[in-house]
Amino acid sequence: MSVAERPVTALLDRMGPERCECMGESEARAWCAALARGRYENFPVLTALLPAPVRDDFAALYAFCRWADDLGDEAGDRDRALELLAWWRAELQACFAGKPRHPVFTALAPTVRAHDLPIEPFDHLIQAFEWDNRKDRWATLDELMRSCALSADPVGRLVLMTLGERRDAESFARSDAICSALQLVNHWQDVRRDLLERNRLYIPAEASADIPDFESRLRITAERGWAPDRDFLAAYRGVLERLCDHAESLFERGEPLLATLKPTSRPVVWLFAAGGRAVLQGVRSWDYETCIRRPRLGALRKAWLVTRAWWNARSAA
């Protein structure tokens, strides 16, 4: 397993709070690029669609998010995760004070300077991972959407700012809608894994309130990997269908953003949104049975979407 494929918690002995190996700016940015290329995501972060001048910037942004996510999820227990996230915030603050230490922040510092990025979106992301370690059940969809405002929406805003797009309220609101939809699709895709591996359930309680013993029946189905309770599976499908419809409406709300973007930015943002919608379609194609299996985009589907984004970019040029 390459360094890029290992969870970041496996690197803490040499890049953690007690000991941190330093890198020069060029080395750190190359290291972040290798990390971005080496991790599986629903969709690749670095593609040829990205304008060349910002590819290292996107890699640095990804590395920050990947490290924060893994520190929150892979630490082994919640107290340790919160301790590591507090350390990550201190490293962020040092970066914005002009004294980056960790390689991720050494790579991120020139991105922050070049694009005049504020600290708040980065801090909001850390807050989201802290929230995940203090809360693992959600009462309402509105409550879950407030979580998305911390865990997903800042990423879209950073993307727009790094691409040199407008920073007005309307652009940010449309970006927020797309990013919240992407986060929700990820939750609906990962219901089984989140419940079994992290004891997290992102299906709001209000969405399943009319299904008796919803969580215990969900856990039995997820653990077995098949549906011993046919009545429950049918009810679960209905819950997921309604939640997927909500995510679809968010994608539609954010779609007008694309027409306002520069020709060089449009295919990048289109690809992120199209990848999320493709995963959503995968959930629907699997008849919403994400309590049993996790839909994933296949290599051919990803290649087709990248090709379509590339063609759209050529047509707009």
C-alpha atoms as a PDB file:
ATOM      1  CA  MET A   1       0.000   0.000   0.000  1.00  0.00           C
ATOM      2  CA  SER A   2       1.426   3.370  -1.044  1.00  0.00           C
ATOM      3  CA  VAL A   3       1.617   6.328   1.303  1.00  0.00           C
ATOM      4  CA  ALA A   4      -1.204   7.947  -0.656  1.00  0.00           C
ATOM      5  CA  GLU A   5      -3.486   4.962  -0.014  1.00  0.00           C
ATOM      6  CA  ARG A   6      -2.849   4.685   3.741  1.00  0.00           C
ATOM      7  CA  PRO A   7      -5.179   6.394   6.229  1.00  0.00           C
ATOM      8  CA  VAL A   8      -3.565   9.556   7.495  1.00  0.00           C
ATOM      9  CA  THR A   9      -3.639   8.231  11.048  1.00  0.00           C
ATOM     10  CA  ALA A  10      -0.949   5.762   9.950  1.00  0.00           C
ATOM     11  CA  LEU A  11       1.319   8.734   9.229  1.00  0.00           C
ATOM     12  CA  LEU A  12       0.941  10.473  12.580  1.00  0.00           C
ATOM     13  CA  ASP A  13       4.173   9.036  13.965  1.00  0.00           C
ATOM     14  CA  ARG A  14       6.081  11.289  11.577  1.00  0.00           C
ATOM     15  CA  MET A  15       3.476  13.893  10.591  1.00  0.00           C
ATOM     16  CA  GLY A  16       1.500  14.309  13.779  1.00  0.00           C
ATOM     17  CA  PRO A  17       1.268  16.495  16.867  1.00  0.00           C
ATOM     18  CA  GLU A  18       4.394  15.115  18.533  1.00  0.00           C
ATOM     19  CA  ARG A  19       6.659  14.944  15.479  1.00  0.00           C
ATOM     20  CA  CYS A  20       6.206  16.537  12.092  1.00  0.00           C
ATOM     21  CA  GLU A  21       8.617  16.102   9.204  1.00  0.00           C
ATOM     22  CA  CYS A  22       8.984  19.331   7.268  1.00  0.00           C
ATOM     23  CA  MET A  23       8.938  19.662   3.495  1.00  0.00           C
ATOM     24  CA  GLY A  24       9.745  22.487   1.143  1.00  0.00           C
ATOM     25  CA  GLU A  25       6.856  24.060  -0.743  1.00  0.00           C
ATOM     26  CA  SER A  26       7.466  22.222  -4.035  1.00  0.00           C
ATOM     27  CA  GLU A  27       7.876  18.865  -2.307  1.00  0.00           C
ATOM     28  CA  ALA A  28       4.759  19.407  -0.190  1.00  0.00           C
ATOM     29  CA  ARG A  29       2.650  20.325  -3.194  1.00  0.00           C
ATOM     30  CA  ALA A  30       3.855  17.250  -5.112  1.00  0.00           C
ATOM     31  CA  TRP A  31       3.080  15.109  -2.059  1.00  0.00           C
ATOM     32  CA  CYS A  32      -0.471  16.501  -1.888  1.00  0.00           C
ATOM     33  CA  ALA A  33      -0.942  15.849  -5.598  1.00  0.00           C
ATOM     34  CA  ALA A  34       0.103  12.213  -5.087  1.00  0.00           C
ATOM     35  CA  LEU A  35      -2.386  11.943  -2.231  1.00  0.00           C
ATOM     36  CA  ALA A  36      -5.208  13.339  -4.387  1.00  0.00           C
ATOM     37  CA  ARG A  37      -4.440  10.910  -7.205  1.00  0.00           C
ATOM     38  CA  GLY A  38      -4.009   7.893  -4.940  1.00  0.00           C
ATOM     39  CA  ARG A  39      -7.281   7.953  -3.010  1.00  0.00           C
ATOM     40  CA  TYR A  40     -10.559   6.467  -4.191  1.00  0.00           C
ATOM     41  CA  GLU A  41     -13.384   8.980  -4.365  1.00  0.00           C
ATOM     42  CA  ASN A  42     -16.723   8.867  -6.149  1.00  0.00           C
ATOM     43  CA  PHE A  43     -14.994  11.050  -8.709  1.00  0.00           C
ATOM     44  CA  PRO A  44     -11.351  11.981  -9.324  1.00  0.00           C
ATOM     45  CA  VAL A  45     -10.299  15.322  -7.867  1.00  0.00           C
ATOM     46  CA  LEU A  46      -7.522  16.057 -10.337  1.00  0.00           C
ATOM     47  CA  THR A  47      -8.388  15.781 -14.018  1.00  0.00           C
ATOM     48  CA  ALA A  48      -7.141  17.398 -17.185  1.00  0.00           C
ATOM     49  CA  LEU A  49     -10.273  19.561 -17.069  1.00  0.00           C
ATOM     50  CA  LEU A  50      -8.750  21.622 -14.276  1.00  0.00           C
ATOM     51  CA  PRO A  51      -6.921  24.721 -15.501  1.00  0.00           C
ATOM     52  CA  ALA A  52      -3.230  23.903 -15.139  1.00  0.00           C
ATOM     53  CA  PRO A  53      -2.437  26.899 -12.891  1.00  0.00           C
ATOM     54  CA  VAL A  54      -4.802  25.664 -10.150  1.00  0.00           C
ATOM     55  CA  ARG A  55      -4.136  21.910 -10.163  1.00  0.00           C
ATOM     56  CA  ASP A  56      -1.668  22.118  -7.289  1.00  0.00           C
ATOM     57  CA  ASP A  57      -4.130  24.362  -5.461  1.00  0.00           C
ATOM     58  CA  PHE A  58      -6.902  21.788  -5.814  1.00  0.00           C
ATOM     59  CA  ALA A  59      -4.544  19.066  -4.585  1.00  0.00           C
ATOM     60  CA  ALA A  60      -3.726  21.134  -1.501  1.00  0.00           C
ATOM     61  CA  LEU A  61      -7.418  21.758  -0.798  1.00  0.00           C
ATOM     62  CA  TYR A  62      -8.137  18.057  -1.191  1.00  0.00           C
ATOM     63  CA  ALA A  63      -5.273  17.106   1.127  1.00  0.00           C
ATOM     64  CA  PHE A  64      -6.579  19.437   3.829  1.00  0.00           C
ATOM     65  CA  CYS A  65     -10.070  17.904   3.572  1.00  0.00           C
ATOM     66  CA  ARG A  66      -8.779  14.324   3.377  1.00  0.00           C
ATOM     67  CA  TRP A  67      -6.606  14.735   6.466  1.00  0.00           C
ATOM     68  CA  ALA A  68      -9.384  16.400   8.451  1.00  0.00           C
ATOM     69  CA  ASP A  69     -11.856  13.682   7.431  1.00  0.00           C
ATOM     70  CA  ASP A  70      -9.498  10.832   8.334  1.00  0.00           C
ATOM     71  CA  LEU A  71      -8.515  12.433  11.643  1.00  0.00           C
ATOM     72  CA  GLY A  72     -12.199  12.532  12.517  1.00  0.00           C
ATOM     73  CA  ASP A  73     -13.043   9.028  11.278  1.00  0.00           C
ATOM     74  CA  GLU A  74      -9.945   6.870  11.720  1.00  0.00           C
ATOM     75  CA  ALA A  75      -8.566   7.865  15.127  1.00  0.00           C
ATOM     76  CA  GLY A  76     -10.021   4.853  16.927  1.00  0.00           C
ATOM     77  CA  ASP A  77     -12.135   6.662  19.503  1.00  0.00           C
ATOM     78  CA  ARG A  78     -13.984   9.951  19.726  1.00  0.00           C
ATOM     79  CA  ASP A  79     -11.819  11.570  22.376  1.00  0.00           C
ATOM     80  CA  ARG A  80      -8.703  10.928  20.327  1.00  0.00           C
ATOM     81  CA  ALA A  81     -10.437  12.194  17.176  1.00  0.00           C
ATOM     82  CA  LEU A  82     -11.430  15.450  18.876  1.00  0.00           C
ATOM     83  CA  GLU A  83      -7.891  15.856  20.191  1.00  0.00           C
ATOM     84  CA  LEU A  84      -6.442  15.407  16.697  1.00  0.00           C
ATOM     85  CA  LEU A  85      -8.966  17.780  15.148  1.00  0.00           C
ATOM     86  CA  ALA A  86      -8.035  20.428  17.728  1.00  0.00           C
ATOM     87  CA  TRP A  87      -4.402  19.928  16.672  1.00  0.00           C
ATOM     88  CA  TRP A  88      -5.432  20.264  13.005  1.00  0.00           C
ATOM     89  CA  ARG A  89      -7.158  23.559  13.798  1.00  0.00           C
ATOM     90  CA  ALA A  90      -3.977  24.828  15.496  1.00  0.00           C
ATOM     91  CA  GLU A  91      -2.011  23.895  12.359  1.00  0.00           C
ATOM     92  CA  LEU A  92      -4.585  25.769  10.253  1.00  0.00           C
ATOM     93  CA  GLN A  93      -4.257  28.854  12.418  1.00  0.00           C
ATOM     94  CA  ALA A  94      -0.461  28.668  12.167  1.00  0.00           C
ATOM     95  CA  CYS A  95      -0.776  28.503   8.374  1.00  0.00           C
ATOM     96  CA  PHE A  96      -2.913  31.630   8.267  1.00  0.00           C
ATOM     97  CA  ALA A  97      -0.458  33.325  10.615  1.00  0.00           C
ATOM     98  CA  GLY A  98       2.250  32.728   8.010  1.00  0.00           C
ATOM     99  CA  LYS A  99       3.970  29.865   9.865  1.00  0.00           C
ATOM    100  CA  PRO A 100       2.869  26.593   8.219  1.00  0.00           C
ATOM    101  CA  ARG A 101       4.510  23.499   9.668  1.00  0.00           C
ATOM    102  CA  HIS A 102       2.704  20.390   8.434  1.00  0.00           C
ATOM    103  CA  PRO A 103       3.279  19.466   4.751  1.00  0.00           C
ATOM    104  CA  VAL A 104      -0.420  19.901   3.966  1.00  0.00           C
ATOM    105  CA  PHE A 105      -0.301  23.480   5.196  1.00  0.00           C
ATOM    106  CA  THR A 106       3.041  24.132   3.539  1.00  0.00           C
ATOM    107  CA  ALA A 107       1.279  23.205   0.296  1.00  0.00           C
ATOM    108  CA  LEU A 108      -1.866  25.121   1.195  1.00  0.00           C
ATOM    109  CA  ALA A 109      -0.195  28.402   2.147  1.00  0.00           C
ATOM    110  CA  PRO A 110       0.550  29.560  -1.442  1.00  0.00           C
ATOM    111  CA  THR A 111      -3.020  28.629  -2.425  1.00  0.00           C
ATOM    112  CA  VAL A 112      -4.413  30.793   0.375  1.00  0.00           C
ATOM    113  CA  ARG A 113      -2.191  33.702  -0.655  1.00  0.00           C
ATOM    114  CA  ALA A 114      -2.780  33.418  -4.399  1.00  0.00           C
ATOM    115  CA  HIS A 115      -6.574  33.295  -4.137  1.00  0.00           C
ATOM    116  CA  ASP A 116      -7.109  35.344  -0.973  1.00  0.00           C
ATOM    117  CA  LEU A 117      -8.959  32.493   0.727  1.00  0.00           C
ATOM    118  CA  PRO A 118     -10.533  33.159   4.131  1.00  0.00           C
ATOM    119  CA  ILE A 119      -9.996  30.867   7.101  1.00  0.00           C
ATOM    120  CA  GLU A 120     -13.699  30.356   7.861  1.00  0.00           C
ATOM    121  CA  PRO A 121     -14.498  27.635   5.276  1.00  0.00           C
ATOM    122  CA  PHE A 122     -11.533  25.571   6.488  1.00  0.00           C
ATOM    123  CA  ASP A 123     -12.556  25.974  10.115  1.00  0.00           C
ATOM    124  CA  HIS A 124     -16.155  25.081   9.295  1.00  0.00           C
ATOM    125  CA  LEU A 125     -14.957  21.789   7.821  1.00  0.00           C
ATOM    126  CA  ILE A 126     -13.087  20.971  11.028  1.00  0.00           C
ATOM    127  CA  GLN A 127     -16.221  21.856  12.989  1.00  0.00           C
ATOM    128  CA  ALA A 128     -18.194  19.397  10.859  1.00  0.00           C
ATOM    129  CA  PHE A 129     -15.836  16.541  11.699  1.00  0.00           C
ATOM    130  CA  GLU A 130     -15.958  17.507  15.370  1.00  0.00           C
ATOM    131  CA  TRP A 131     -19.747  17.443  15.149  1.00  0.00           C
ATOM    132  CA  ASP A 132     -19.610  13.929  13.655  1.00  0.00           C
ATOM    133  CA  ASN A 133     -17.698  12.789  16.732  1.00  0.00           C
ATOM    134  CA  ARG A 134     -20.222  14.306  19.119  1.00  0.00           C
ATOM    135  CA  LYS A 135     -23.396  13.377  17.252  1.00  0.00           C
ATOM    136  CA  ASP A 136     -24.317  10.227  15.340  1.00  0.00           C
ATOM    137  CA  ARG A 137     -28.100  10.507  14.950  1.00  0.00           C
ATOM    138  CA  TRP A 138     -30.223  13.238  13.360  1.00  0.00           C
ATOM    139  CA  ALA A 139     -33.753  14.175  14.329  1.00  0.00           C
ATOM    140  CA  THR A 140     -34.823  16.129  11.260  1.00  0.00           C
ATOM    141  CA  LEU A 141     -33.761  16.789   7.705  1.00  0.00           C
ATOM    142  CA  ASP A 142     -33.321  20.470   8.571  1.00  0.00           C
ATOM    143  CA  GLU A 143     -30.817  19.466  11.261  1.00  0.00           C
ATOM    144  CA  LEU A 144     -28.913  17.321   8.783  1.00  0.00           C
ATOM    145  CA  MET A 145     -28.899  20.193   6.296  1.00  0.00           C
ATOM    146  CA  ARG A 146     -27.271  22.402   8.933  1.00  0.00           C
ATOM    147  CA  SER A 147     -24.562  19.776   9.176  1.00  0.00           C
ATOM    148  CA  CYS A 148     -24.096  19.896   5.385  1.00  0.00           C
ATOM    149  CA  ALA A 149     -23.605  23.663   5.677  1.00  0.00           C
ATOM    150  CA  LEU A 150     -20.433  22.870   7.629  1.00  0.00           C
ATOM    151  CA  SER A 151     -19.269  19.638   5.990  1.00  0.00           C
ATOM    152  CA  ALA A 152     -19.989  20.253   2.292  1.00  0.00           C
ATOM    153  CA  ASP A 153     -20.878  23.827   1.429  1.00  0.00           C
ATOM    154  CA  PRO A 154     -17.456  25.274   2.390  1.00  0.00           C
ATOM    155  CA  VAL A 155     -15.797  22.992  -0.178  1.00  0.00           C
ATOM    156  CA  GLY A 156     -17.864  24.414  -3.010  1.00  0.00           C
ATOM    157  CA  ARG A 157     -17.146  27.951  -1.937  1.00  0.00           C
ATOM    158  CA  LEU A 158     -13.414  27.232  -1.819  1.00  0.00           C
ATOM    159  CA  VAL A 159     -13.608  25.696  -5.284  1.00  0.00           C
ATOM    160  CA  LEU A 160     -15.339  28.776  -6.706  1.00  0.00           C
ATOM    161  CA  MET A 161     -12.865  31.141  -5.067  1.00  0.00           C
ATOM    162  CA  THR A 162      -9.871  29.116  -6.241  1.00  0.00           C
ATOM    163  CA  LEU A 163     -11.241  29.113  -9.789  1.00  0.00           C
ATOM    164  CA  GLY A 164     -11.550  32.901  -9.629  1.00  0.00           C
ATOM    165  CA  GLU A 165     -15.344  32.933  -9.816  1.00  0.00           C
ATOM    166  CA  ARG A 166     -17.710  35.487  -8.318  1.00  0.00           C
ATOM    167  CA  ARG A 167     -18.067  35.591  -4.539  1.00  0.00           C
ATOM    168  CA  ASP A 168     -21.621  36.925  -4.375  1.00  0.00           C
ATOM    169  CA  ALA A 169     -24.483  35.545  -2.288  1.00  0.00           C
ATOM    170  CA  GLU A 170     -26.369  34.085  -5.255  1.00  0.00           C
ATOM    171  CA  SER A 171     -23.376  32.131  -6.559  1.00  0.00           C
ATOM    172  CA  PHE A 172     -22.596  30.809  -3.098  1.00  0.00           C
ATOM    173  CA  ALA A 173     -26.242  29.808  -2.494  1.00  0.00           C
ATOM    174  CA  ARG A 174     -26.343  27.804  -5.730  1.00  0.00           C
ATOM    175  CA  SER A 175     -22.987  26.224  -4.944  1.00  0.00           C
ATOM    176  CA  ASP A 176     -24.258  25.350  -1.459  1.00  0.00           C
ATOM    177  CA  ALA A 177     -27.258  23.565  -2.964  1.00  0.00           C
ATOM    178  CA  ILE A 178     -25.035  21.409  -5.195  1.00  0.00           C
ATOM    179  CA  CYS A 179     -22.596  20.606  -2.398  1.00  0.00           C
ATOM    180  CA  SER A 180     -25.321  19.752   0.112  1.00  0.00           C
ATOM    181  CA  ALA A 181     -26.833  17.452  -2.502  1.00  0.00           C
ATOM    182  CA  LEU A 182     -23.450  15.769  -3.003  1.00  0.00           C
ATOM    183  CA  GLN A 183     -23.117  15.242   0.753  1.00  0.00           C
ATOM    184  CA  LEU A 184     -26.613  13.808   1.058  1.00  0.00           C
ATOM    185  CA  VAL A 185     -26.022  11.429  -1.847  1.00  0.00           C
ATOM    186  CA  ASN A 186     -22.870  10.250  -0.091  1.00  0.00           C
ATOM    187  CA  HIS A 187     -24.922   9.621   3.065  1.00  0.00           C
ATOM    188  CA  TRP A 188     -27.612   7.657   1.193  1.00  0.00           C
ATOM    189  CA  GLN A 189     -24.940   5.669  -0.651  1.00  0.00           C
ATOM    190  CA  ASP A 190     -23.119   4.740   2.570  1.00  0.00           C
ATOM    191  CA  VAL A 191     -25.980   3.850   4.926  1.00  0.00           C
ATOM    192  CA  ARG A 192     -24.756   0.307   5.550  1.00  0.00           C
ATOM    193  CA  ARG A 193     -21.081   1.199   5.982  1.00  0.00           C
ATOM    194  CA  ASP A 194     -21.754   4.213   8.198  1.00  0.00           C
ATOM    195  CA  LEU A 195     -23.977   2.188  10.516  1.00  0.00           C
ATOM    196  CA  LEU A 196     -21.760  -0.895  10.815  1.00  0.00           C
ATOM    197  CA  GLU A 197     -18.310   0.723  10.783  1.00  0.00           C
ATOM    198  CA  ARG A 198     -18.967   4.021  12.579  1.00  0.00           C
ATOM    199  CA  ASN A 199     -22.339   3.620  14.302  1.00  0.00           C
ATOM    200  CA  ARG A 200     -23.636   6.653  12.434  1.00  0.00           C
ATOM    201  CA  LEU A 201     -27.097   6.944  10.950  1.00  0.00           C
ATOM    202  CA  TYR A 202     -27.736   9.943   8.728  1.00  0.00           C
ATOM    203  CA  ILE A 203     -31.325   9.020   7.915  1.00  0.00           C
ATOM    204  CA  PRO A 204     -33.263  11.591   9.983  1.00  0.00           C
ATOM    205  CA  ALA A 205     -35.563  10.097  12.613  1.00  0.00           C
ATOM    206  CA  GLU A 206     -38.520  12.036  11.218  1.00  0.00           C
ATOM    207  CA  ALA A 207     -38.101  10.289   7.841  1.00  0.00           C
ATOM    208  CA  SER A 208     -38.591   6.833   9.370  1.00  0.00           C
ATOM    209  CA  ALA A 209     -40.937   7.739  12.236  1.00  0.00           C
ATOM    210  CA  ASP A 210     -43.786   5.604  10.890  1.00  0.00           C
ATOM    211  CA  ILE A 211     -41.646   2.432  10.661  1.00  0.00           C
ATOM    212  CA  PRO A 212     -41.625   0.441  13.933  1.00  0.00           C
ATOM    213  CA  ASP A 213     -38.163  -0.446  15.294  1.00  0.00           C
ATOM    214  CA  PHE A 214     -36.560   1.131  12.247  1.00  0.00           C
ATOM    215  CA  GLU A 215     -32.951   1.179  13.449  1.00  0.00           C
ATOM    216  CA  SER A 216     -32.875  -2.325  14.931  1.00  0.00           C
ATOM    217  CA  ARG A 217     -34.400  -3.775  11.761  1.00  0.00           C
ATOM    218  CA  LEU A 218     -31.977  -1.751   9.644  1.00  0.00           C
ATOM    219  CA  ARG A 219     -29.019  -3.072  11.629  1.00  0.00           C
ATOM    220  CA  ILE A 220     -30.114  -6.692  11.241  1.00  0.00           C
ATOM    221  CA  THR A 221     -30.500  -6.228   7.489  1.00  0.00           C
ATOM    222  CA  ALA A 222     -27.127  -4.467   7.179  1.00  0.00           C
ATOM    223  CA  GLU A 223     -25.299  -7.090   9.266  1.00  0.00           C
ATOM    224  CA  ARG A 224     -26.707 -10.011   7.286  1.00  0.00           C
ATOM    225  CA  GLY A 225     -26.305  -8.349   3.904  1.00  0.00           C
ATOM    226  CA  TRP A 226     -29.690  -9.580   2.765  1.00  0.00           C
ATOM    227  CA  ALA A 227     -33.321  -8.856   3.623  1.00  0.00           C
ATOM    228  CA  PRO A 228     -34.756 -11.194   6.259  1.00  0.00           C
ATOM    229  CA  ASP A 229     -37.561  -8.680   6.815  1.00  0.00           C
ATOM    230  CA  ARG A 230     -39.335  -8.070   3.512  1.00  0.00           C
ATOM    231  CA  ASP A 231     -41.795  -5.567   4.981  1.00  0.00           C
ATOM    232  CA  PHE A 232     -38.923  -3.505   6.347  1.00  0.00           C
ATOM    233  CA  LEU A 233     -37.015  -3.518   3.068  1.00  0.00           C
ATOM    234  CA  ALA A 234     -40.034  -2.166   1.189  1.00  0.00           C
ATOM    235  CA  ALA A 235     -40.489   0.568   3.812  1.00  0.00           C
ATOM    236  CA  TYR A 236     -36.772   1.400   3.701  1.00  0.00           C
ATOM    237  CA  ARG A 237     -36.937   1.826  -0.061  1.00  0.00           C
ATOM    238  CA  GLY A 238     -39.741   4.326   0.378  1.00  0.00           C
ATOM    239  CA  VAL A 239     -37.706   6.357   2.897  1.00  0.00           C
ATOM    240  CA  LEU A 240     -34.641   6.412   0.637  1.00  0.00           C
ATOM    241  CA  GLU A 241     -36.696   7.361  -2.407  1.00  0.00           C
ATOM    242  CA  ARG A 242     -38.068  10.439  -0.648  1.00  0.00           C
ATOM    243  CA  LEU A 243     -34.619  11.413   0.594  1.00  0.00           C
ATOM    244  CA  CYS A 244     -33.139  10.960  -2.875  1.00  0.00           C
ATOM    245  CA  ASP A 245     -35.882  13.161  -4.294  1.00  0.00           C
ATOM    246  CA  HIS A 246     -34.819  15.893  -1.866  1.00  0.00           C
ATOM    247  CA  ALA A 247     -31.191  15.596  -3.007  1.00  0.00           C
ATOM    248  CA  GLU A 248     -32.340  15.771  -6.636  1.00  0.00           C
ATOM    249  CA  SER A 249     -34.231  18.985  -5.918  1.00  0.00           C
ATOM    250  CA  LEU A 250     -31.040  20.503  -4.501  1.00  0.00           C
ATOM    251  CA  PHE A 251     -29.096  19.609  -7.640  1.00  0.00           C
ATOM    252  CA  GLU A 252     -31.808  21.326  -9.675  1.00  0.00           C
ATOM    253  CA  ARG A 253     -31.691  24.397  -7.439  1.00  0.00           C
ATOM    254  CA  GLY A 254     -27.939  24.699  -7.957  1.00  0.00           C
ATOM    255  CA  GLU A 255     -27.896  23.998 -11.701  1.00  0.00           C
ATOM    256  CA  PRO A 256     -28.242  27.670 -12.806  1.00  0.00           C
ATOM    257  CA  LEU A 257     -24.789  28.266 -11.316  1.00  0.00           C
ATOM    258  CA  LEU A 258     -23.187  26.594 -14.331  1.00  0.00           C
ATOM    259  CA  ALA A 259     -24.372  29.234 -16.773  1.00  0.00           C
ATOM    260  CA  THR A 260     -22.691  31.973 -14.730  1.00  0.00           C
ATOM    261  CA  LEU A 261     -19.237  30.370 -14.678  1.00  0.00           C
ATOM    262  CA  LYS A 262     -16.267  31.033 -16.914  1.00  0.00           C
ATOM    263  CA  PRO A 263     -15.790  28.499 -19.749  1.00  0.00           C
ATOM    264  CA  THR A 264     -12.695  27.110 -18.004  1.00  0.00           C
ATOM    265  CA  SER A 265     -14.545  26.603 -14.716  1.00  0.00           C
ATOM    266  CA  ARG A 266     -17.835  25.262 -16.023  1.00  0.00           C
ATOM    267  CA  PRO A 267     -16.714  21.702 -16.915  1.00  0.00           C
ATOM    268  CA  VAL A 268     -14.974  21.320 -13.541  1.00  0.00           C
ATOM    269  CA  VAL A 269     -18.111  22.176 -11.579  1.00  0.00           C
ATOM    270  CA  TRP A 270     -20.323  20.295 -14.024  1.00  0.00           C
ATOM    271  CA  LEU A 271     -18.254  17.159 -13.477  1.00  0.00           C
ATOM    272  CA  PHE A 272     -18.603  17.304  -9.689  1.00  0.00           C
ATOM    273  CA  ALA A 273     -22.377  17.734  -9.961  1.00  0.00           C
ATOM    274  CA  ALA A 274     -22.747  15.135 -12.715  1.00  0.00           C
ATOM    275  CA  GLY A 275     -20.751  12.623 -10.696  1.00  0.00           C
ATOM    276  CA  GLY A 276     -23.074  13.105  -7.735  1.00  0.00           C
ATOM    277  CA  ARG A 277     -26.151  12.766  -9.892  1.00  0.00           C
ATOM    278  CA  ALA A 278     -24.710   9.585 -11.405  1.00  0.00           C
ATOM    279  CA  VAL A 279     -24.249   8.103  -7.920  1.00  0.00           C
ATOM    280  CA  LEU A 280     -27.809   9.144  -7.094  1.00  0.00           C
ATOM    281  CA  GLN A 281     -28.988   7.350 -10.204  1.00  0.00           C
ATOM    282  CA  GLY A 282     -27.003   4.325  -9.053  1.00  0.00           C
ATOM    283  CA  VAL A 283     -28.868   4.360  -5.734  1.00  0.00           C
ATOM    284  CA  ARG A 284     -32.148   4.463  -7.655  1.00  0.00           C
ATOM    285  CA  SER A 285     -31.004   1.700 -10.018  1.00  0.00           C
ATOM    286  CA  TRP A 286     -30.243  -0.532  -7.040  1.00  0.00           C
ATOM    287  CA  ASP A 287     -33.853   0.058  -5.940  1.00  0.00           C
ATOM    288  CA  TYR A 288     -32.637   2.152  -2.982  1.00  0.00           C
ATOM    289  CA  GLU A 289     -31.294  -0.932  -1.173  1.00  0.00           C
ATOM    290  CA  THR A 290     -28.257   0.805   0.343  1.00  0.00           C
ATOM    291  CA  CYS A 291     -28.866  -1.002   3.623  1.00  0.00           C
ATOM    292  CA  ILE A 292     -27.556  -4.087   1.810  1.00  0.00           C
ATOM    293  CA  ARG A 293     -25.049  -2.858  -0.767  1.00  0.00           C
ATOM    294  CA  ARG A 294     -23.121   0.289  -1.668  1.00  0.00           C
ATOM    295  CA  PRO A 295     -23.570   1.537  -5.246  1.00  0.00           C
ATOM    296  CA  ARG A 296     -20.366   2.800  -6.874  1.00  0.00           C
ATOM    297  CA  LEU A 297     -19.542   4.410 -10.168  1.00  0.00           C
ATOM    298  CA  GLY A 298     -17.733   2.039 -12.471  1.00  0.00           C
ATOM    299  CA  ALA A 299     -14.654   3.022 -14.447  1.00  0.00           C
ATOM    300  CA  LEU A 300     -16.579   3.199 -17.741  1.00  0.00           C
ATOM    301  CA  ARG A 301     -19.220   5.473 -16.267  1.00  0.00           C
ATOM    302  CA  LYS A 302     -16.557   7.786 -14.855  1.00  0.00           C
ATOM    303  CA  ALA A 303     -14.707   7.842 -18.162  1.00  0.00           C
ATOM    304  CA  TRP A 304     -17.915   8.693 -20.009  1.00  0.00           C
ATOM    305  CA  LEU A 305     -18.636  11.609 -17.679  1.00  0.00           C
ATOM    306  CA  VAL A 306     -15.090  12.955 -17.999  1.00  0.00           C
ATOM    307  CA  THR A 307     -15.345  12.657 -21.796  1.00  0.00           C
ATOM    308  CA  ARG A 308     -18.656  14.490 -21.803  1.00  0.00           C
ATOM    309  CA  ALA A 309     -17.240  17.246 -19.594  1.00  0.00           C
ATOM    310  CA  TRP A 310     -14.242  17.523 -21.912  1.00  0.00           C
ATOM    311  CA  TRP A 311     -16.494  17.764 -24.953  1.00  0.00           C
ATOM    312  CA  ASN A 312     -18.635  20.412 -23.270  1.00  0.00           C
ATOM    313  CA  ALA A 313     -15.464  22.375 -22.541  1.00  0.00           C
ATOM    314  CA  ARG A 314     -14.328  22.130 -26.175  1.00  0.00           C
ATOM    315  CA  SER A 315     -17.776  23.193 -27.429  1.00  0.00           C
ATOM    316  CA  ALA A 316     -17.767  26.252 -25.157  1.00  0.00           C
ATOM    317  CA  ALA A 317     -14.280  27.332 -26.167  1.00  0.00           C
END
